[in-house]
N, C-alpha and C. Protein backbone atom coordinates (compact mmCIF):
# COMPACT_ATOMS: atom_id res chain seq x y z
N MET A 1 -8.90 -28.55 -40.09
CA MET A 1 -8.49 -28.76 -38.72
C MET A 1 -9.20 -27.75 -37.82
N THR A 2 -9.74 -28.23 -36.75
CA THR A 2 -10.46 -27.38 -35.81
C THR A 2 -9.49 -26.81 -34.78
N ARG A 3 -9.62 -25.52 -34.56
CA ARG A 3 -8.77 -24.88 -33.56
C ARG A 3 -9.38 -25.04 -32.19
N ARG A 4 -8.54 -25.38 -31.25
CA ARG A 4 -9.01 -25.52 -29.87
C ARG A 4 -8.97 -24.19 -29.13
N HIS A 5 -8.04 -23.32 -29.53
CA HIS A 5 -7.87 -22.05 -28.84
C HIS A 5 -7.94 -20.91 -29.84
N THR A 6 -8.54 -19.84 -29.43
CA THR A 6 -8.55 -18.65 -30.27
C THR A 6 -7.25 -17.90 -30.04
N HIS A 7 -7.00 -16.92 -30.90
CA HIS A 7 -5.78 -16.13 -30.75
C HIS A 7 -5.81 -15.28 -29.49
N SER A 8 -6.97 -14.82 -29.14
CA SER A 8 -7.09 -13.98 -27.96
C SER A 8 -7.52 -14.81 -26.76
N HIS A 9 -6.70 -14.80 -25.76
CA HIS A 9 -7.03 -15.52 -24.53
C HIS A 9 -7.63 -14.59 -23.49
N ALA A 10 -7.86 -13.34 -23.88
CA ALA A 10 -8.34 -12.36 -22.91
C ALA A 10 -9.67 -12.76 -22.29
N SER A 11 -10.51 -13.43 -23.07
CA SER A 11 -11.82 -13.80 -22.53
C SER A 11 -11.72 -14.90 -21.48
N HIS A 12 -10.59 -15.61 -21.44
CA HIS A 12 -10.41 -16.68 -20.46
C HIS A 12 -9.73 -16.19 -19.19
N ARG A 13 -9.27 -14.96 -19.21
CA ARG A 13 -8.59 -14.43 -18.03
C ARG A 13 -9.61 -14.04 -16.98
N PRO A 14 -9.27 -14.22 -15.72
CA PRO A 14 -10.19 -13.80 -14.67
C PRO A 14 -10.37 -12.29 -14.67
N GLN A 15 -11.48 -11.84 -14.12
CA GLN A 15 -11.79 -10.41 -14.09
C GLN A 15 -10.67 -9.62 -13.43
N ARG A 16 -10.07 -10.15 -12.37
CA ARG A 16 -9.02 -9.44 -11.66
C ARG A 16 -7.84 -9.16 -12.60
N TRP A 17 -7.52 -10.10 -13.49
CA TRP A 17 -6.42 -9.90 -14.42
C TRP A 17 -6.75 -8.75 -15.36
N ARG A 18 -7.97 -8.73 -15.85
CA ARG A 18 -8.37 -7.68 -16.78
C ARG A 18 -8.40 -6.32 -16.10
N ALA A 19 -8.43 -6.29 -14.79
CA ALA A 19 -8.38 -5.03 -14.06
C ALA A 19 -6.94 -4.64 -13.75
N GLY A 20 -5.99 -5.28 -14.39
CA GLY A 20 -4.59 -4.93 -14.23
C GLY A 20 -3.87 -5.70 -13.14
N TRP A 21 -4.54 -6.64 -12.48
CA TRP A 21 -3.94 -7.38 -11.38
C TRP A 21 -3.86 -8.85 -11.69
N SER A 22 -2.95 -9.52 -11.04
CA SER A 22 -2.86 -10.98 -11.09
C SER A 22 -2.81 -11.47 -9.64
N ARG A 23 -3.09 -12.73 -9.45
CA ARG A 23 -3.05 -13.28 -8.08
C ARG A 23 -1.67 -13.12 -7.43
N PRO A 24 -0.57 -13.41 -8.15
CA PRO A 24 0.75 -13.19 -7.51
C PRO A 24 0.98 -11.72 -7.15
N GLY A 25 0.50 -10.81 -7.98
CA GLY A 25 0.65 -9.39 -7.67
C GLY A 25 -0.12 -8.99 -6.43
N ILE A 26 -1.33 -9.48 -6.31
CA ILE A 26 -2.14 -9.19 -5.13
C ILE A 26 -1.48 -9.78 -3.89
N GLY A 27 -1.03 -11.03 -3.99
CA GLY A 27 -0.37 -11.68 -2.85
C GLY A 27 0.88 -10.94 -2.41
N ALA A 28 1.70 -10.53 -3.39
CA ALA A 28 2.93 -9.80 -3.06
C ALA A 28 2.60 -8.46 -2.40
N LEU A 29 1.60 -7.77 -2.94
CA LEU A 29 1.23 -6.48 -2.36
C LEU A 29 0.72 -6.64 -0.93
N VAL A 30 -0.11 -7.64 -0.70
CA VAL A 30 -0.63 -7.87 0.65
C VAL A 30 0.51 -8.16 1.63
N LEU A 31 1.45 -9.02 1.23
CA LEU A 31 2.58 -9.35 2.11
C LEU A 31 3.45 -8.13 2.38
N LEU A 32 3.74 -7.35 1.34
CA LEU A 32 4.56 -6.17 1.53
C LEU A 32 3.86 -5.14 2.43
N LEU A 33 2.58 -4.94 2.20
CA LEU A 33 1.85 -3.97 3.02
C LEU A 33 1.72 -4.43 4.47
N LEU A 34 1.57 -5.72 4.67
CA LEU A 34 1.54 -6.25 6.03
C LEU A 34 2.89 -6.01 6.72
N GLY A 35 3.98 -6.24 6.00
CA GLY A 35 5.31 -5.96 6.55
C GLY A 35 5.50 -4.49 6.85
N LEU A 36 5.01 -3.62 5.96
CA LEU A 36 5.09 -2.18 6.21
C LEU A 36 4.30 -1.79 7.45
N TRP A 37 3.13 -2.36 7.58
CA TRP A 37 2.27 -2.03 8.71
C TRP A 37 2.91 -2.49 10.01
N ILE A 38 3.47 -3.70 10.03
CA ILE A 38 4.11 -4.23 11.24
C ILE A 38 5.35 -3.42 11.59
N SER A 39 6.18 -3.11 10.59
CA SER A 39 7.38 -2.32 10.88
C SER A 39 7.00 -0.90 11.31
N GLY A 40 5.93 -0.35 10.77
CA GLY A 40 5.44 0.96 11.22
C GLY A 40 4.96 0.92 12.65
N MET A 41 4.27 -0.17 13.01
CA MET A 41 3.83 -0.33 14.40
C MET A 41 5.04 -0.41 15.33
N ALA A 42 6.08 -1.11 14.90
CA ALA A 42 7.30 -1.21 15.71
C ALA A 42 7.95 0.16 15.88
N LEU A 43 7.99 0.94 14.80
CA LEU A 43 8.56 2.29 14.90
C LEU A 43 7.75 3.15 15.86
N TRP A 44 6.45 3.03 15.81
CA TRP A 44 5.59 3.80 16.70
C TRP A 44 5.77 3.35 18.16
N ALA A 45 5.82 2.05 18.37
CA ALA A 45 5.92 1.51 19.73
C ALA A 45 7.25 1.88 20.39
N TRP A 46 8.32 1.87 19.62
CA TRP A 46 9.64 2.13 20.20
C TRP A 46 10.02 3.59 20.12
N GLY A 47 9.19 4.42 19.51
CA GLY A 47 9.41 5.87 19.49
C GLY A 47 10.73 6.29 18.89
N GLY A 48 10.93 7.59 18.91
CA GLY A 48 12.15 8.14 18.32
C GLY A 48 12.97 8.96 19.30
N GLU A 49 12.48 9.14 20.50
CA GLU A 49 13.20 9.93 21.49
C GLU A 49 14.13 9.01 22.28
N TRP A 50 15.40 9.35 22.30
CA TRP A 50 16.38 8.51 22.99
C TRP A 50 17.02 9.29 24.13
N SER A 51 17.32 8.57 25.16
CA SER A 51 18.01 9.15 26.31
C SER A 51 19.12 8.18 26.71
N PRO A 52 19.99 8.60 27.60
CA PRO A 52 21.03 7.67 28.06
C PRO A 52 20.46 6.43 28.73
N ASP A 53 19.20 6.51 29.20
CA ASP A 53 18.57 5.37 29.87
C ASP A 53 17.90 4.39 28.91
N THR A 54 17.86 4.72 27.63
CA THR A 54 17.22 3.83 26.65
C THR A 54 18.04 2.55 26.54
N PRO A 55 17.40 1.39 26.70
CA PRO A 55 18.14 0.13 26.59
C PRO A 55 18.71 -0.05 25.18
N PRO A 56 19.90 -0.61 25.07
CA PRO A 56 20.52 -0.80 23.75
C PRO A 56 19.66 -1.65 22.81
N TRP A 57 18.96 -2.66 23.33
CA TRP A 57 18.13 -3.49 22.46
C TRP A 57 17.03 -2.68 21.80
N GLN A 58 16.48 -1.69 22.56
CA GLN A 58 15.40 -0.87 22.01
C GLN A 58 15.92 0.03 20.89
N SER A 59 17.09 0.58 21.10
CA SER A 59 17.71 1.41 20.07
C SER A 59 17.98 0.59 18.81
N GLN A 60 18.51 -0.62 18.99
CA GLN A 60 18.81 -1.50 17.86
C GLN A 60 17.52 -1.96 17.16
N ALA A 61 16.50 -2.30 17.93
CA ALA A 61 15.22 -2.73 17.34
C ALA A 61 14.59 -1.61 16.53
N HIS A 62 14.67 -0.39 17.04
CA HIS A 62 14.13 0.76 16.31
C HIS A 62 14.87 0.94 14.99
N ARG A 63 16.18 0.80 15.02
CA ARG A 63 16.98 0.95 13.79
C ARG A 63 16.63 -0.14 12.78
N VAL A 64 16.48 -1.37 13.24
CA VAL A 64 16.11 -2.48 12.34
C VAL A 64 14.73 -2.21 11.73
N ALA A 65 13.79 -1.74 12.55
CA ALA A 65 12.45 -1.44 12.05
C ALA A 65 12.50 -0.33 11.00
N GLN A 66 13.36 0.67 11.20
CA GLN A 66 13.52 1.74 10.21
C GLN A 66 14.03 1.19 8.89
N VAL A 67 15.05 0.36 8.95
CA VAL A 67 15.64 -0.20 7.73
C VAL A 67 14.63 -1.09 7.01
N VAL A 68 13.95 -1.96 7.77
CA VAL A 68 12.94 -2.84 7.16
C VAL A 68 11.83 -2.02 6.52
N HIS A 69 11.37 -0.98 7.21
CA HIS A 69 10.32 -0.12 6.69
C HIS A 69 10.77 0.52 5.37
N GLY A 70 12.00 1.02 5.35
CA GLY A 70 12.53 1.65 4.13
C GLY A 70 12.67 0.69 2.97
N VAL A 71 13.15 -0.51 3.23
CA VAL A 71 13.30 -1.52 2.17
C VAL A 71 11.92 -1.93 1.64
N LEU A 72 10.97 -2.12 2.53
CA LEU A 72 9.62 -2.50 2.10
C LEU A 72 8.95 -1.38 1.31
N VAL A 73 9.20 -0.13 1.69
CA VAL A 73 8.65 1.00 0.93
C VAL A 73 9.19 0.95 -0.50
N TRP A 74 10.48 0.70 -0.64
CA TRP A 74 11.06 0.60 -1.98
C TRP A 74 10.37 -0.51 -2.79
N ALA A 75 10.17 -1.66 -2.17
CA ALA A 75 9.52 -2.78 -2.87
C ALA A 75 8.07 -2.46 -3.22
N VAL A 76 7.35 -1.79 -2.33
CA VAL A 76 5.96 -1.41 -2.62
C VAL A 76 5.93 -0.42 -3.79
N CYS A 77 6.88 0.51 -3.82
CA CYS A 77 6.93 1.46 -4.94
C CYS A 77 7.17 0.74 -6.26
N ALA A 78 8.07 -0.24 -6.25
CA ALA A 78 8.33 -1.01 -7.47
C ALA A 78 7.08 -1.78 -7.90
N LEU A 79 6.42 -2.40 -6.95
CA LEU A 79 5.21 -3.17 -7.26
C LEU A 79 4.07 -2.25 -7.69
N ALA A 80 3.94 -1.12 -7.02
CA ALA A 80 2.89 -0.17 -7.39
C ALA A 80 3.12 0.36 -8.80
N GLY A 81 4.37 0.58 -9.14
CA GLY A 81 4.68 1.03 -10.50
C GLY A 81 4.30 0.00 -11.54
N ARG A 82 4.37 -1.26 -11.18
CA ARG A 82 4.02 -2.33 -12.11
C ARG A 82 2.51 -2.52 -12.23
N TRP A 83 1.78 -2.46 -11.12
CA TRP A 83 0.37 -2.84 -11.16
C TRP A 83 -0.63 -1.71 -10.96
N LEU A 84 -0.33 -0.75 -10.15
CA LEU A 84 -1.34 0.28 -9.87
C LEU A 84 -1.63 1.17 -11.08
N GLY A 85 -0.59 1.49 -11.84
CA GLY A 85 -0.80 2.30 -13.05
C GLY A 85 -1.74 1.63 -14.04
N PRO A 86 -1.44 0.40 -14.47
CA PRO A 86 -2.36 -0.28 -15.39
C PRO A 86 -3.76 -0.47 -14.80
N HIS A 87 -3.84 -0.73 -13.50
CA HIS A 87 -5.16 -0.91 -12.87
C HIS A 87 -5.97 0.39 -12.97
N ALA A 88 -5.36 1.49 -12.59
CA ALA A 88 -6.07 2.78 -12.65
C ALA A 88 -6.43 3.13 -14.09
N TRP A 89 -5.52 2.89 -15.02
CA TRP A 89 -5.75 3.20 -16.43
C TRP A 89 -6.95 2.42 -16.97
N GLN A 90 -7.01 1.14 -16.65
CA GLN A 90 -8.10 0.30 -17.15
C GLN A 90 -9.42 0.59 -16.47
N MET A 91 -9.38 0.97 -15.21
CA MET A 91 -10.62 1.11 -14.44
C MET A 91 -11.15 2.54 -14.40
N TRP A 92 -10.36 3.52 -14.84
CA TRP A 92 -10.76 4.92 -14.69
C TRP A 92 -12.12 5.20 -15.32
N GLY A 93 -12.37 4.70 -16.49
CA GLY A 93 -13.63 4.98 -17.17
C GLY A 93 -14.79 4.12 -16.72
N ARG A 94 -14.53 3.09 -15.96
CA ARG A 94 -15.59 2.17 -15.50
C ARG A 94 -16.13 2.63 -14.16
N LYS A 95 -17.05 3.51 -14.21
CA LYS A 95 -17.60 4.04 -12.97
C LYS A 95 -18.92 3.37 -12.61
N GLY A 96 -19.19 2.21 -13.22
CA GLY A 96 -20.43 1.49 -12.94
C GLY A 96 -20.51 1.03 -11.49
N ALA A 97 -19.39 0.58 -10.96
CA ALA A 97 -19.32 0.15 -9.56
C ALA A 97 -18.88 1.36 -8.75
N ARG A 98 -19.80 2.28 -8.57
CA ARG A 98 -19.47 3.57 -7.97
C ARG A 98 -18.78 3.47 -6.61
N VAL A 99 -19.27 2.64 -5.73
CA VAL A 99 -18.70 2.56 -4.38
C VAL A 99 -17.26 2.08 -4.46
N ALA A 100 -17.01 0.99 -5.20
CA ALA A 100 -15.65 0.47 -5.33
C ALA A 100 -14.75 1.49 -6.01
N TRP A 101 -15.27 2.19 -7.01
CA TRP A 101 -14.49 3.20 -7.72
C TRP A 101 -14.08 4.32 -6.78
N TRP A 102 -15.02 4.84 -5.99
CA TRP A 102 -14.71 5.91 -5.05
C TRP A 102 -13.79 5.43 -3.93
N LEU A 103 -13.98 4.20 -3.48
CA LEU A 103 -13.05 3.65 -2.47
C LEU A 103 -11.64 3.56 -3.05
N GLY A 104 -11.53 3.18 -4.31
CA GLY A 104 -10.22 3.12 -4.96
C GLY A 104 -9.58 4.49 -5.07
N LEU A 105 -10.37 5.48 -5.46
CA LEU A 105 -9.85 6.84 -5.56
C LEU A 105 -9.42 7.37 -4.18
N LEU A 106 -10.25 7.11 -3.17
CA LEU A 106 -9.90 7.52 -1.80
C LEU A 106 -8.64 6.80 -1.32
N ALA A 107 -8.55 5.50 -1.60
CA ALA A 107 -7.35 4.73 -1.21
C ALA A 107 -6.11 5.29 -1.91
N ALA A 108 -6.25 5.66 -3.18
CA ALA A 108 -5.11 6.24 -3.91
C ALA A 108 -4.68 7.57 -3.30
N CYS A 109 -5.65 8.41 -2.94
CA CYS A 109 -5.33 9.71 -2.34
C CYS A 109 -4.68 9.55 -0.97
N VAL A 110 -5.23 8.68 -0.14
CA VAL A 110 -4.64 8.44 1.19
C VAL A 110 -3.25 7.82 1.04
N GLY A 111 -3.09 6.89 0.10
CA GLY A 111 -1.77 6.29 -0.15
C GLY A 111 -0.75 7.33 -0.58
N ALA A 112 -1.16 8.26 -1.44
CA ALA A 112 -0.26 9.34 -1.87
C ALA A 112 0.10 10.23 -0.68
N TRP A 113 -0.88 10.52 0.18
CA TRP A 113 -0.62 11.32 1.38
C TRP A 113 0.40 10.63 2.28
N VAL A 114 0.22 9.33 2.50
CA VAL A 114 1.15 8.57 3.35
C VAL A 114 2.55 8.60 2.74
N ALA A 115 2.63 8.43 1.42
CA ALA A 115 3.93 8.45 0.75
C ALA A 115 4.60 9.82 0.89
N LEU A 116 3.85 10.88 0.65
CA LEU A 116 4.43 12.23 0.75
C LEU A 116 4.82 12.58 2.18
N SER A 117 4.00 12.21 3.15
CA SER A 117 4.37 12.49 4.54
C SER A 117 5.57 11.63 4.95
N GLY A 118 5.69 10.42 4.40
CA GLY A 118 6.87 9.59 4.65
C GLY A 118 8.13 10.23 4.09
N LEU A 119 8.02 10.80 2.89
CA LEU A 119 9.17 11.53 2.33
C LEU A 119 9.52 12.72 3.19
N GLY A 120 8.50 13.39 3.73
CA GLY A 120 8.75 14.50 4.64
C GLY A 120 9.47 14.06 5.90
N LEU A 121 9.09 12.89 6.42
CA LEU A 121 9.78 12.36 7.60
C LEU A 121 11.23 12.03 7.28
N LEU A 122 11.46 11.53 6.08
CA LEU A 122 12.81 11.12 5.71
C LEU A 122 13.70 12.31 5.38
N TYR A 123 13.16 13.26 4.63
CA TYR A 123 13.99 14.36 4.12
C TYR A 123 13.61 15.73 4.66
N GLY A 124 12.52 15.84 5.41
CA GLY A 124 12.04 17.14 5.87
C GLY A 124 12.84 17.70 7.03
N ALA A 125 12.50 18.92 7.36
CA ALA A 125 13.16 19.62 8.47
C ALA A 125 12.81 18.95 9.80
N ALA A 126 13.75 19.00 10.72
CA ALA A 126 13.55 18.37 12.04
C ALA A 126 12.37 19.00 12.78
N ASP A 127 12.12 20.31 12.55
CA ASP A 127 11.01 20.99 13.23
C ASP A 127 9.65 20.41 12.82
N TRP A 128 9.57 19.83 11.65
CA TRP A 128 8.31 19.28 11.13
C TRP A 128 8.04 17.87 11.63
N ARG A 129 9.03 17.24 12.22
CA ARG A 129 8.94 15.81 12.52
C ARG A 129 7.72 15.44 13.37
N ASP A 130 7.49 16.14 14.45
CA ASP A 130 6.37 15.78 15.34
C ASP A 130 5.03 15.84 14.61
N ALA A 131 4.84 16.89 13.82
CA ALA A 131 3.58 17.01 13.07
C ALA A 131 3.49 15.94 11.99
N LEU A 132 4.60 15.68 11.30
CA LEU A 132 4.58 14.69 10.22
C LEU A 132 4.37 13.27 10.73
N VAL A 133 4.87 12.97 11.92
CA VAL A 133 4.65 11.63 12.48
C VAL A 133 3.15 11.37 12.61
N VAL A 134 2.42 12.34 13.14
CA VAL A 134 0.97 12.18 13.31
C VAL A 134 0.28 12.14 11.95
N LEU A 135 0.71 13.01 11.03
CA LEU A 135 0.10 13.06 9.70
C LEU A 135 0.44 11.84 8.85
N HIS A 136 1.45 11.09 9.23
CA HIS A 136 1.82 9.86 8.53
C HIS A 136 1.19 8.64 9.21
N TRP A 137 1.13 8.67 10.53
CA TRP A 137 0.68 7.52 11.32
C TRP A 137 -0.79 7.20 11.10
N TRP A 138 -1.68 8.17 11.32
CA TRP A 138 -3.12 7.88 11.25
C TRP A 138 -3.58 7.51 9.85
N PRO A 139 -3.20 8.23 8.82
CA PRO A 139 -3.57 7.76 7.47
C PRO A 139 -2.91 6.42 7.13
N GLY A 140 -1.71 6.18 7.67
CA GLY A 140 -1.04 4.90 7.44
C GLY A 140 -1.79 3.74 8.06
N LEU A 141 -2.46 3.99 9.18
CA LEU A 141 -3.32 2.96 9.79
C LEU A 141 -4.60 2.76 8.98
N LEU A 142 -5.14 3.83 8.45
CA LEU A 142 -6.40 3.79 7.70
C LEU A 142 -6.23 3.18 6.31
N TRP A 143 -5.10 3.44 5.67
CA TRP A 143 -4.94 3.06 4.26
C TRP A 143 -5.17 1.58 3.98
N PRO A 144 -4.61 0.64 4.76
CA PRO A 144 -4.87 -0.77 4.44
C PRO A 144 -6.35 -1.14 4.50
N VAL A 145 -7.09 -0.49 5.40
CA VAL A 145 -8.53 -0.76 5.50
C VAL A 145 -9.23 -0.29 4.22
N LEU A 146 -8.88 0.91 3.75
CA LEU A 146 -9.46 1.42 2.51
C LEU A 146 -9.12 0.54 1.32
N ALA A 147 -7.85 0.13 1.24
CA ALA A 147 -7.43 -0.72 0.13
C ALA A 147 -8.16 -2.06 0.15
N LEU A 148 -8.32 -2.61 1.34
CA LEU A 148 -9.03 -3.89 1.47
C LEU A 148 -10.51 -3.73 1.09
N LEU A 149 -11.14 -2.67 1.57
CA LEU A 149 -12.54 -2.42 1.20
C LEU A 149 -12.68 -2.24 -0.31
N HIS A 150 -11.75 -1.52 -0.91
CA HIS A 150 -11.78 -1.31 -2.36
C HIS A 150 -11.63 -2.63 -3.10
N GLY A 151 -10.67 -3.43 -2.67
CA GLY A 151 -10.39 -4.68 -3.37
C GLY A 151 -11.45 -5.75 -3.19
N LEU A 152 -12.10 -5.74 -2.04
CA LEU A 152 -13.05 -6.82 -1.75
C LEU A 152 -14.51 -6.36 -1.76
N TYR A 153 -14.75 -5.15 -2.18
CA TYR A 153 -16.12 -4.62 -2.13
C TYR A 153 -17.11 -5.51 -2.88
N HIS A 154 -16.79 -5.88 -4.11
CA HIS A 154 -17.72 -6.69 -4.90
C HIS A 154 -17.93 -8.07 -4.29
N ARG A 155 -16.88 -8.64 -3.77
CA ARG A 155 -16.99 -9.98 -3.20
C ARG A 155 -17.86 -9.99 -1.95
N TRP A 156 -17.68 -8.99 -1.09
CA TRP A 156 -18.38 -8.99 0.19
C TRP A 156 -19.71 -8.24 0.16
N LEU A 157 -19.72 -7.08 -0.50
CA LEU A 157 -20.88 -6.21 -0.37
C LEU A 157 -21.63 -5.96 -1.67
N GLY A 158 -20.92 -5.97 -2.77
CA GLY A 158 -21.52 -5.53 -4.02
C GLY A 158 -22.16 -6.63 -4.85
N ARG A 159 -22.35 -6.28 -6.10
CA ARG A 159 -22.91 -7.08 -7.20
C ARG A 159 -24.36 -6.92 -7.31
């Protein structure tokens, strides 16, 4: 009897899967990061300084944006724990695609910075808040661009 399938299906998996990612994982990460980015923009736009003249809707919208941002951060951490570790583990030794590799390392460092500054905003001293907002905001704007460049480098620029 002739076998139609070998025991190992690894050779039939797309390259992205072998790099620790799957299409649903990429889609979920993109949606979560887009939500984080939008909720972060809302937090920036509505600010954190309140006065008696602040309209109630603005105060409520800011609070909703904070809660949404926090919930999405939790989901991104769960997803990152599932996919980023295996991706980095599998790709660490493959430095053949130098530009994509360095973009990935830079994206990981900026992502860690954004996460740590976010923890500082959440749990840090009130005196640090103004500095941490700036140190969280600008890298937070840059990070999705780095991640996108890292993920799409071969498709758009490389090979």
